[in-house]
Amino acid sequence: MKQTILVVEDDNMIRNLVKVYLEKAGFEVIEAVDGLEAKDLFLNHHPCLVILDLMLPKVSGEDFCGWVRTQEQEDVSIIMLSAKSQVTDKVNGLRLGADDYLTKPFEPEELLAHVEAVLRRTGRYCQKITYDGLCVKVRKGEVSLRGEQIQLTKHEFNLLYHFMQNPNTVFSRDQLIEQLYPNSESAVYDRTIDAHIKKLREKIRDKDQTQKIQTVRGMGYKFVPEDSVF
């Protein structure tokens, strides 16, 4: 699964150039032109790294950086971009919560090298699956919906993780029983899976009431992201 990078830059030429180089390097890239849009994308996509221009409309880069660090997202790295090249500017940026600081103008290859260096240090912590603002952090056993933590039981977590690893795939109850109870010596019934599904649906239901785990009559269940195309 590709690592997601959020590029927050109001200069279209710079943003597009950065996107092209990052995508060629194998990253998934999402873009924002101002700090307000960046907040929404951050909560919906849970990026592993943010490339952040400091001079932004609506919400400044400094304020956005500070906001990110209040979201308890310590597995997200930030690289600041700025035309300010004084040592004091770099120091202030790092103290605000940035992991790296790169001055403009820069070569795309230089930025890519900084991205790769930062992710070598922090990327192992950024193991997550995200759809429509729903995020499963594998190493930590945590689930959140648009930044809000959700408490799941062990079986609910494993069930959601299995579904999100295989979006739009139908699983029968027997397949889900085998996934959740591989070494069970006692009988596990279909209604047990139905109960897990019911509770999980209630916990991950979004404000628009969209049902992410759908019933396929006569077959089982499947996880359907909102942005799926059929």
C-alpha atoms as a PDB file:
ATOM      1  CA  MET A   1       0.000   0.000   0.000  1.00  0.00           C
ATOM      2  CA  LYS A   2       1.317   3.413  -0.991  1.00  0.00           C
ATOM      3  CA  GLN A   3       2.222   5.990   1.623  1.00  0.00           C
ATOM      4  CA  THR A   4       0.101   9.139   1.364  1.00  0.00           C
ATOM      5  CA  ILE A   5       1.657  12.611   1.281  1.00  0.00           C
ATOM      6  CA  LEU A   6      -0.349  15.817   1.670  1.00  0.00           C
ATOM      7  CA  VAL A   7       1.128  18.742  -0.288  1.00  0.00           C
ATOM      8  CA  VAL A   8      -0.102  22.120   0.987  1.00  0.00           C
ATOM      9  CA  GLU A   9       1.035  24.832  -1.414  1.00  0.00           C
ATOM     10  CA  ASP A  10      -0.874  27.722  -3.001  1.00  0.00           C
ATOM     11  CA  ASP A  11       1.544  28.112  -5.914  1.00  0.00           C
ATOM     12  CA  ASN A  12       0.062  25.887  -8.625  1.00  0.00           C
ATOM     13  CA  MET A  13       3.308  25.404 -10.526  1.00  0.00           C
ATOM     14  CA  ILE A  14       5.278  24.335  -7.450  1.00  0.00           C
ATOM     15  CA  ARG A  15       2.462  22.098  -6.180  1.00  0.00           C
ATOM     16  CA  ASN A  16       2.046  20.324  -9.527  1.00  0.00           C
ATOM     17  CA  LEU A  17       5.780  19.833  -9.917  1.00  0.00           C
ATOM     18  CA  VAL A  18       6.081  18.345  -6.430  1.00  0.00           C
ATOM     19  CA  LYS A  19       3.123  16.059  -7.110  1.00  0.00           C
ATOM     20  CA  VAL A  20       4.639  14.725 -10.338  1.00  0.00           C
ATOM     21  CA  TYR A  21       7.962  13.862  -8.700  1.00  0.00           C
ATOM     22  CA  LEU A  22       6.366  12.249  -5.651  1.00  0.00           C
ATOM     23  CA  GLU A  23       3.987  10.136  -7.727  1.00  0.00           C
ATOM     24  CA  LYS A  24       6.864   8.975  -9.919  1.00  0.00           C
ATOM     25  CA  ALA A  25       8.607   7.894  -6.716  1.00  0.00           C
ATOM     26  CA  GLY A  26       5.608   5.747  -5.790  1.00  0.00           C
ATOM     27  CA  PHE A  27       3.730   7.927  -3.303  1.00  0.00           C
ATOM     28  CA  GLU A  28       0.041   8.744  -3.268  1.00  0.00           C
ATOM     29  CA  VAL A  29      -0.352  12.538  -3.307  1.00  0.00           C
ATOM     30  CA  ILE A  30      -3.272  14.692  -2.163  1.00  0.00           C
ATOM     31  CA  GLU A  31      -3.221  18.471  -2.610  1.00  0.00           C
ATOM     32  CA  ALA A  32      -4.465  21.541  -0.782  1.00  0.00           C
ATOM     33  CA  VAL A  33      -4.152  25.190  -1.824  1.00  0.00           C
ATOM     34  CA  ASP A  34      -4.753  26.676   1.624  1.00  0.00           C
ATOM     35  CA  GLY A  35      -4.616  25.731   5.290  1.00  0.00           C
ATOM     36  CA  LEU A  36      -8.381  25.356   5.649  1.00  0.00           C
ATOM     37  CA  GLU A  37      -8.661  22.839   2.843  1.00  0.00           C
ATOM     38  CA  ALA A  38      -5.598  21.069   4.250  1.00  0.00           C
ATOM     39  CA  LYS A  39      -7.356  20.461   7.584  1.00  0.00           C
ATOM     40  CA  ASP A  40     -10.239  18.714   5.888  1.00  0.00           C
ATOM     41  CA  LEU A  41      -7.951  16.553   3.748  1.00  0.00           C
ATOM     42  CA  PHE A  42      -5.790  15.718   6.754  1.00  0.00           C
ATOM     43  CA  LEU A  43      -8.760  14.367   8.735  1.00  0.00           C
ATOM     44  CA  ASN A  44     -10.121  12.429   5.776  1.00  0.00           C
ATOM     45  CA  HIS A  45      -6.911  10.882   4.427  1.00  0.00           C
ATOM     46  CA  HIS A  46      -4.560  10.593   7.431  1.00  0.00           C
ATOM     47  CA  PRO A  47      -1.328  11.193   5.467  1.00  0.00           C
ATOM     48  CA  CYS A  48       2.023   9.840   6.573  1.00  0.00           C
ATOM     49  CA  LEU A  49       3.772  13.101   5.695  1.00  0.00           C
ATOM     50  CA  VAL A  50       2.813  16.744   5.051  1.00  0.00           C
ATOM     51  CA  ILE A  51       4.819  19.031   2.778  1.00  0.00           C
ATOM     52  CA  LEU A  52       3.798  22.436   4.050  1.00  0.00           C
ATOM     53  CA  ASP A  53       4.310  25.898   2.615  1.00  0.00           C
ATOM     54  CA  LEU A  54       4.387  28.543   5.350  1.00  0.00           C
ATOM     55  CA  MET A  55       2.811  31.405   3.400  1.00  0.00           C
ATOM     56  CA  LEU A  56      -0.758  30.143   2.962  1.00  0.00           C
ATOM     57  CA  PRO A  57      -4.143  31.862   2.680  1.00  0.00           C
ATOM     58  CA  LYS A  58      -6.961  31.334   5.250  1.00  0.00           C
ATOM     59  CA  VAL A  59      -4.830  29.332   7.725  1.00  0.00           C
ATOM     60  CA  SER A  60      -1.077  29.959   7.822  1.00  0.00           C
ATOM     61  CA  GLY A  61       1.453  27.166   7.581  1.00  0.00           C
ATOM     62  CA  GLU A  62       2.582  27.853  11.149  1.00  0.00           C
ATOM     63  CA  ASP A  63      -0.974  27.586  12.467  1.00  0.00           C
ATOM     64  CA  PHE A  64      -1.647  24.439  10.466  1.00  0.00           C
ATOM     65  CA  CYS A  65       1.526  22.841  11.785  1.00  0.00           C
ATOM     66  CA  GLY A  66       0.503  23.656  15.340  1.00  0.00           C
ATOM     67  CA  TRP A  67      -2.977  22.254  14.687  1.00  0.00           C
ATOM     68  CA  VAL A  68      -1.573  18.981  13.363  1.00  0.00           C
ATOM     69  CA  ARG A  69       0.487  18.557  16.505  1.00  0.00           C
ATOM     70  CA  THR A  70      -2.677  18.900  18.619  1.00  0.00           C
ATOM     71  CA  GLN A  71      -4.332  15.994  16.786  1.00  0.00           C
ATOM     72  CA  GLU A  72      -2.245  13.349  18.580  1.00  0.00           C
ATOM     73  CA  GLN A  73      -0.879  12.269  15.199  1.00  0.00           C
ATOM     74  CA  GLU A  74       2.703  11.632  16.197  1.00  0.00           C
ATOM     75  CA  ASP A  75       3.120   9.253  13.269  1.00  0.00           C
ATOM     76  CA  VAL A  76       2.713  12.153  10.801  1.00  0.00           C
ATOM     77  CA  SER A  77       5.873  13.947   9.667  1.00  0.00           C
ATOM     78  CA  ILE A  78       6.016  17.548   8.426  1.00  0.00           C
ATOM     79  CA  ILE A  79       8.465  19.126   5.997  1.00  0.00           C
ATOM     80  CA  MET A  80       8.178  22.923   5.869  1.00  0.00           C
ATOM     81  CA  LEU A  81       8.826  24.901   2.687  1.00  0.00           C
ATOM     82  CA  SER A  82       9.673  28.581   2.920  1.00  0.00           C
ATOM     83  CA  ALA A  83      11.508  31.394   1.198  1.00  0.00           C
ATOM     84  CA  LYS A  84      12.757  32.403   4.658  1.00  0.00           C
ATOM     85  CA  SER A  85      16.320  31.142   4.879  1.00  0.00           C
ATOM     86  CA  GLN A  86      17.629  32.626   8.112  1.00  0.00           C
ATOM     87  CA  VAL A  87      18.753  30.234  10.824  1.00  0.00           C
ATOM     88  CA  THR A  88      16.169  31.713  13.186  1.00  0.00           C
ATOM     89  CA  ASP A  89      13.397  30.928  10.683  1.00  0.00           C
ATOM     90  CA  LYS A  90      14.486  27.295  10.451  1.00  0.00           C
ATOM     91  CA  VAL A  91      14.782  27.009  14.218  1.00  0.00           C
ATOM     92  CA  ASN A  92      11.295  28.438  14.700  1.00  0.00           C
ATOM     93  CA  GLY A  93       9.860  26.035  12.142  1.00  0.00           C
ATOM     94  CA  LEU A  94      11.419  23.021  13.832  1.00  0.00           C
ATOM     95  CA  ARG A  95      10.245  24.211  17.235  1.00  0.00           C
ATOM     96  CA  LEU A  96       6.692  24.526  15.899  1.00  0.00           C
ATOM     97  CA  GLY A  97       6.740  20.797  15.199  1.00  0.00           C
ATOM     98  CA  ALA A  98       8.305  20.362  11.772  1.00  0.00           C
ATOM     99  CA  ASP A  99      10.593  17.383  11.187  1.00  0.00           C
ATOM    100  CA  ASP A 100      12.520  19.108   8.409  1.00  0.00           C
ATOM    101  CA  TYR A 101      12.803  22.533   6.790  1.00  0.00           C
ATOM    102  CA  LEU A 102      13.616  23.249   3.146  1.00  0.00           C
ATOM    103  CA  THR A 103      14.154  26.721   1.698  1.00  0.00           C
ATOM    104  CA  LYS A 104      12.855  27.949  -1.650  1.00  0.00           C
ATOM    105  CA  PRO A 105      13.859  27.750  -4.394  1.00  0.00           C
ATOM    106  CA  PHE A 106      14.690  24.039  -4.330  1.00  0.00           C
ATOM    107  CA  GLU A 107      15.221  21.274  -6.842  1.00  0.00           C
ATOM    108  CA  PRO A 108      12.531  18.539  -6.921  1.00  0.00           C
ATOM    109  CA  GLU A 109      15.229  15.882  -6.476  1.00  0.00           C
ATOM    110  CA  GLU A 110      16.349  17.656  -3.314  1.00  0.00           C
ATOM    111  CA  LEU A 111      12.836  17.651  -1.880  1.00  0.00           C
ATOM    112  CA  LEU A 112      12.420  13.976  -2.755  1.00  0.00           C
ATOM    113  CA  ALA A 113      15.659  13.185  -0.932  1.00  0.00           C
ATOM    114  CA  HIS A 114      14.357  15.020   2.154  1.00  0.00           C
ATOM    115  CA  VAL A 115      11.054  13.107   1.945  1.00  0.00           C
ATOM    116  CA  GLU A 116      12.839   9.769   1.731  1.00  0.00           C
ATOM    117  CA  ALA A 117      15.157  10.685   4.603  1.00  0.00           C
ATOM    118  CA  VAL A 118      12.287  11.706   6.889  1.00  0.00           C
ATOM    119  CA  LEU A 119      10.258   8.604   6.066  1.00  0.00           C
ATOM    120  CA  ARG A 120      13.249   6.362   6.745  1.00  0.00           C
ATOM    121  CA  ARG A 121      13.078   7.637  10.311  1.00  0.00           C
ATOM    122  CA  THR A 122       9.312   7.783  10.760  1.00  0.00           C
ATOM    123  CA  GLY A 123       7.687   5.710   8.019  1.00  0.00           C
ATOM    124  CA  ARG A 124       7.661   2.483  10.019  1.00  0.00           C
ATOM    125  CA  TYR A 125       5.226   4.114  12.433  1.00  0.00           C
ATOM    126  CA  CYS A 126       2.894   5.114   9.605  1.00  0.00           C
ATOM    127  CA  GLN A 127       1.214   1.790   8.944  1.00  0.00           C
ATOM    128  CA  LYS A 128      -2.421   2.585   8.403  1.00  0.00           C
ATOM    129  CA  ILE A 129      -5.372   1.976   6.110  1.00  0.00           C
ATOM    130  CA  THR A 130      -7.702   4.896   5.413  1.00  0.00           C
ATOM    131  CA  TYR A 131     -10.990   5.257   3.571  1.00  0.00           C
ATOM    132  CA  ASP A 132     -13.407   8.185   3.785  1.00  0.00           C
ATOM    133  CA  GLY A 133     -11.906   9.507   7.017  1.00  0.00           C
ATOM    134  CA  LEU A 134     -11.990   6.070   8.678  1.00  0.00           C
ATOM    135  CA  CYS A 135      -8.453   5.118   9.691  1.00  0.00           C
ATOM    136  CA  VAL A 136      -7.055   1.874  11.129  1.00  0.00           C
ATOM    137  CA  LYS A 137      -3.567   2.138  12.635  1.00  0.00           C
ATOM    138  CA  VAL A 138      -2.253  -1.392  12.530  1.00  0.00           C
ATOM    139  CA  ARG A 139       0.726  -1.208  14.870  1.00  0.00           C
ATOM    140  CA  LYS A 140      -1.160   0.698  17.550  1.00  0.00           C
ATOM    141  CA  GLY A 141      -4.462  -1.125  17.284  1.00  0.00           C
ATOM    142  CA  GLU A 142      -6.255   2.220  17.012  1.00  0.00           C
ATOM    143  CA  VAL A 143      -9.244   3.317  14.946  1.00  0.00           C
ATOM    144  CA  SER A 144     -10.436   6.858  14.306  1.00  0.00           C
ATOM    145  CA  LEU A 145     -13.151   8.505  12.247  1.00  0.00           C
ATOM    146  CA  ARG A 146     -12.304  12.018  10.994  1.00  0.00           C
ATOM    147  CA  GLY A 147      -9.851  12.452  13.859  1.00  0.00           C
ATOM    148  CA  GLU A 148     -12.116  11.098  16.617  1.00  0.00           C
ATOM    149  CA  GLN A 149     -10.930   7.941  18.374  1.00  0.00           C
ATOM    150  CA  ILE A 150     -13.264   4.907  18.265  1.00  0.00           C
ATOM    151  CA  GLN A 151     -13.054   2.154  20.868  1.00  0.00           C
ATOM    152  CA  LEU A 152     -13.377  -1.320  19.344  1.00  0.00           C
ATOM    153  CA  THR A 153     -13.124  -4.782  20.836  1.00  0.00           C
ATOM    154  CA  LYS A 154     -10.416  -7.141  19.574  1.00  0.00           C
ATOM    155  CA  HIS A 155     -12.827  -8.960  17.263  1.00  0.00           C
ATOM    156  CA  GLU A 156     -14.357  -5.717  15.967  1.00  0.00           C
ATOM    157  CA  PHE A 157     -10.888  -4.347  15.209  1.00  0.00           C
ATOM    158  CA  ASN A 158      -9.792  -7.516  13.385  1.00  0.00           C
ATOM    159  CA  LEU A 159     -13.045  -7.600  11.452  1.00  0.00           C
ATOM    160  CA  LEU A 160     -12.732  -3.967  10.323  1.00  0.00           C
ATOM    161  CA  TYR A 161      -9.062  -4.399   9.436  1.00  0.00           C
ATOM    162  CA  HIS A 162      -9.893  -7.458   7.329  1.00  0.00           C
ATOM    163  CA  PHE A 163     -12.682  -5.621   5.516  1.00  0.00           C
ATOM    164  CA  MET A 164     -10.544  -2.541   4.837  1.00  0.00           C
ATOM    165  CA  GLN A 165      -7.719  -4.649   3.473  1.00  0.00           C
ATOM    166  CA  ASN A 166     -10.191  -6.068   0.967  1.00  0.00           C
ATOM    167  CA  PRO A 167     -12.634  -3.303  -0.045  1.00  0.00           C
ATOM    168  CA  ASN A 168     -15.625  -4.262  -2.214  1.00  0.00           C
ATOM    169  CA  THR A 169     -14.982  -7.968  -1.568  1.00  0.00           C
ATOM    170  CA  VAL A 170     -17.848 -10.113  -0.300  1.00  0.00           C
ATOM    171  CA  PHE A 171     -17.085 -12.437   2.622  1.00  0.00           C
ATOM    172  CA  SER A 172     -19.436 -15.144   3.784  1.00  0.00           C
ATOM    173  CA  ARG A 173     -20.091 -15.633   7.489  1.00  0.00           C
ATOM    174  CA  ASP A 174     -18.035 -18.841   7.402  1.00  0.00           C
ATOM    175  CA  GLN A 175     -15.067 -16.973   5.926  1.00  0.00           C
ATOM    176  CA  LEU A 176     -15.338 -14.278   8.592  1.00  0.00           C
ATOM    177  CA  ILE A 177     -15.594 -16.892  11.352  1.00  0.00           C
ATOM    178  CA  GLU A 178     -12.411 -18.512  10.051  1.00  0.00           C
ATOM    179  CA  GLN A 179     -10.701 -15.094   9.984  1.00  0.00           C
ATOM    180  CA  LEU A 180     -11.709 -14.115  13.539  1.00  0.00           C
ATOM    181  CA  TYR A 181     -11.611 -17.508  15.258  1.00  0.00           C
ATOM    182  CA  PRO A 182      -8.938 -19.529  13.402  1.00  0.00           C
ATOM    183  CA  ASN A 183      -8.079 -21.823  16.318  1.00  0.00           C
ATOM    184  CA  SER A 184     -11.369 -21.932  18.172  1.00  0.00           C
ATOM    185  CA  GLU A 185     -12.169 -25.320  19.699  1.00  0.00           C
ATOM    186  CA  SER A 186     -15.795 -24.377  20.339  1.00  0.00           C
ATOM    187  CA  ALA A 187     -18.541 -23.757  17.809  1.00  0.00           C
ATOM    188  CA  VAL A 188     -18.930 -20.201  16.518  1.00  0.00           C
ATOM    189  CA  TYR A 189     -22.319 -19.411  15.006  1.00  0.00           C
ATOM    190  CA  ASP A 190     -23.400 -17.101  12.219  1.00  0.00           C
ATOM    191  CA  ARG A 191     -25.285 -14.936  14.697  1.00  0.00           C
ATOM    192  CA  THR A 192     -21.974 -14.197  16.458  1.00  0.00           C
ATOM    193  CA  ILE A 193     -20.657 -12.581  13.268  1.00  0.00           C
ATOM    194  CA  ASP A 194     -23.966 -10.768  12.793  1.00  0.00           C
ATOM    195  CA  ALA A 195     -23.655  -9.343  16.329  1.00  0.00           C
ATOM    196  CA  HIS A 196     -20.081  -8.163  15.670  1.00  0.00           C
ATOM    197  CA  ILE A 197     -21.172  -6.534  12.404  1.00  0.00           C
ATOM    198  CA  LYS A 198     -24.099  -4.772  14.051  1.00  0.00           C
ATOM    199  CA  LYS A 199     -21.938  -3.270  16.800  1.00  0.00           C
ATOM    200  CA  LEU A 200     -19.174  -2.337  14.361  1.00  0.00           C
ATOM    201  CA  ARG A 201     -21.642  -0.573  12.068  1.00  0.00           C
ATOM    202  CA  GLU A 202     -22.919   1.519  14.949  1.00  0.00           C
ATOM    203  CA  LYS A 203     -19.415   2.583  15.954  1.00  0.00           C
ATOM    204  CA  ILE A 204     -18.142   3.550  12.492  1.00  0.00           C
ATOM    205  CA  ARG A 205     -21.334   5.174  11.212  1.00  0.00           C
ATOM    206  CA  ASP A 206     -20.547   8.644   9.865  1.00  0.00           C
ATOM    207  CA  LYS A 207     -22.649  11.788  10.292  1.00  0.00           C
ATOM    208  CA  ASP A 208     -24.273  11.245   6.905  1.00  0.00           C
ATOM    209  CA  GLN A 209     -25.385   7.785   8.108  1.00  0.00           C
ATOM    210  CA  THR A 210     -23.654   6.083   5.167  1.00  0.00           C
ATOM    211  CA  GLN A 211     -23.394   2.351   5.783  1.00  0.00           C
ATOM    212  CA  LYS A 212     -19.811   1.305   5.078  1.00  0.00           C
ATOM    213  CA  ILE A 213     -20.358  -2.405   5.761  1.00  0.00           C
ATOM    214  CA  GLN A 214     -23.117  -3.626   3.493  1.00  0.00           C
ATOM    215  CA  THR A 215     -25.116  -6.840   3.512  1.00  0.00           C
ATOM    216  CA  VAL A 216     -25.102  -8.846   0.297  1.00  0.00           C
ATOM    217  CA  ARG A 217     -28.221 -10.966   0.474  1.00  0.00           C
ATOM    218  CA  GLY A 218     -27.537 -14.680   0.395  1.00  0.00           C
ATOM    219  CA  MET A 219     -23.759 -14.152   0.308  1.00  0.00           C
ATOM    220  CA  GLY A 220     -22.438 -12.203   3.312  1.00  0.00           C
ATOM    221  CA  TYR A 221     -20.934  -8.777   3.920  1.00  0.00           C
ATOM    222  CA  LYS A 222     -18.584  -6.347   2.182  1.00  0.00           C
ATOM    223  CA  PHE A 223     -16.872  -3.043   3.002  1.00  0.00           C
ATOM    224  CA  VAL A 224     -17.741  -0.336   0.453  1.00  0.00           C
ATOM    225  CA  PRO A 225     -15.799   2.958   0.547  1.00  0.00           C
ATOM    226  CA  GLU A 226     -17.824   5.995  -0.459  1.00  0.00           C
ATOM    227  CA  ASP A 227     -15.538   6.774  -3.372  1.00  0.00           C
ATOM    228  CA  SER A 228     -15.899   3.330  -4.933  1.00  0.00           C
ATOM    229  CA  VAL A 229     -16.735   3.285  -8.642  1.00  0.00           C
ATOM    230  CA  PHE A 230     -18.764   0.450 -10.125  1.00  0.00           C
END
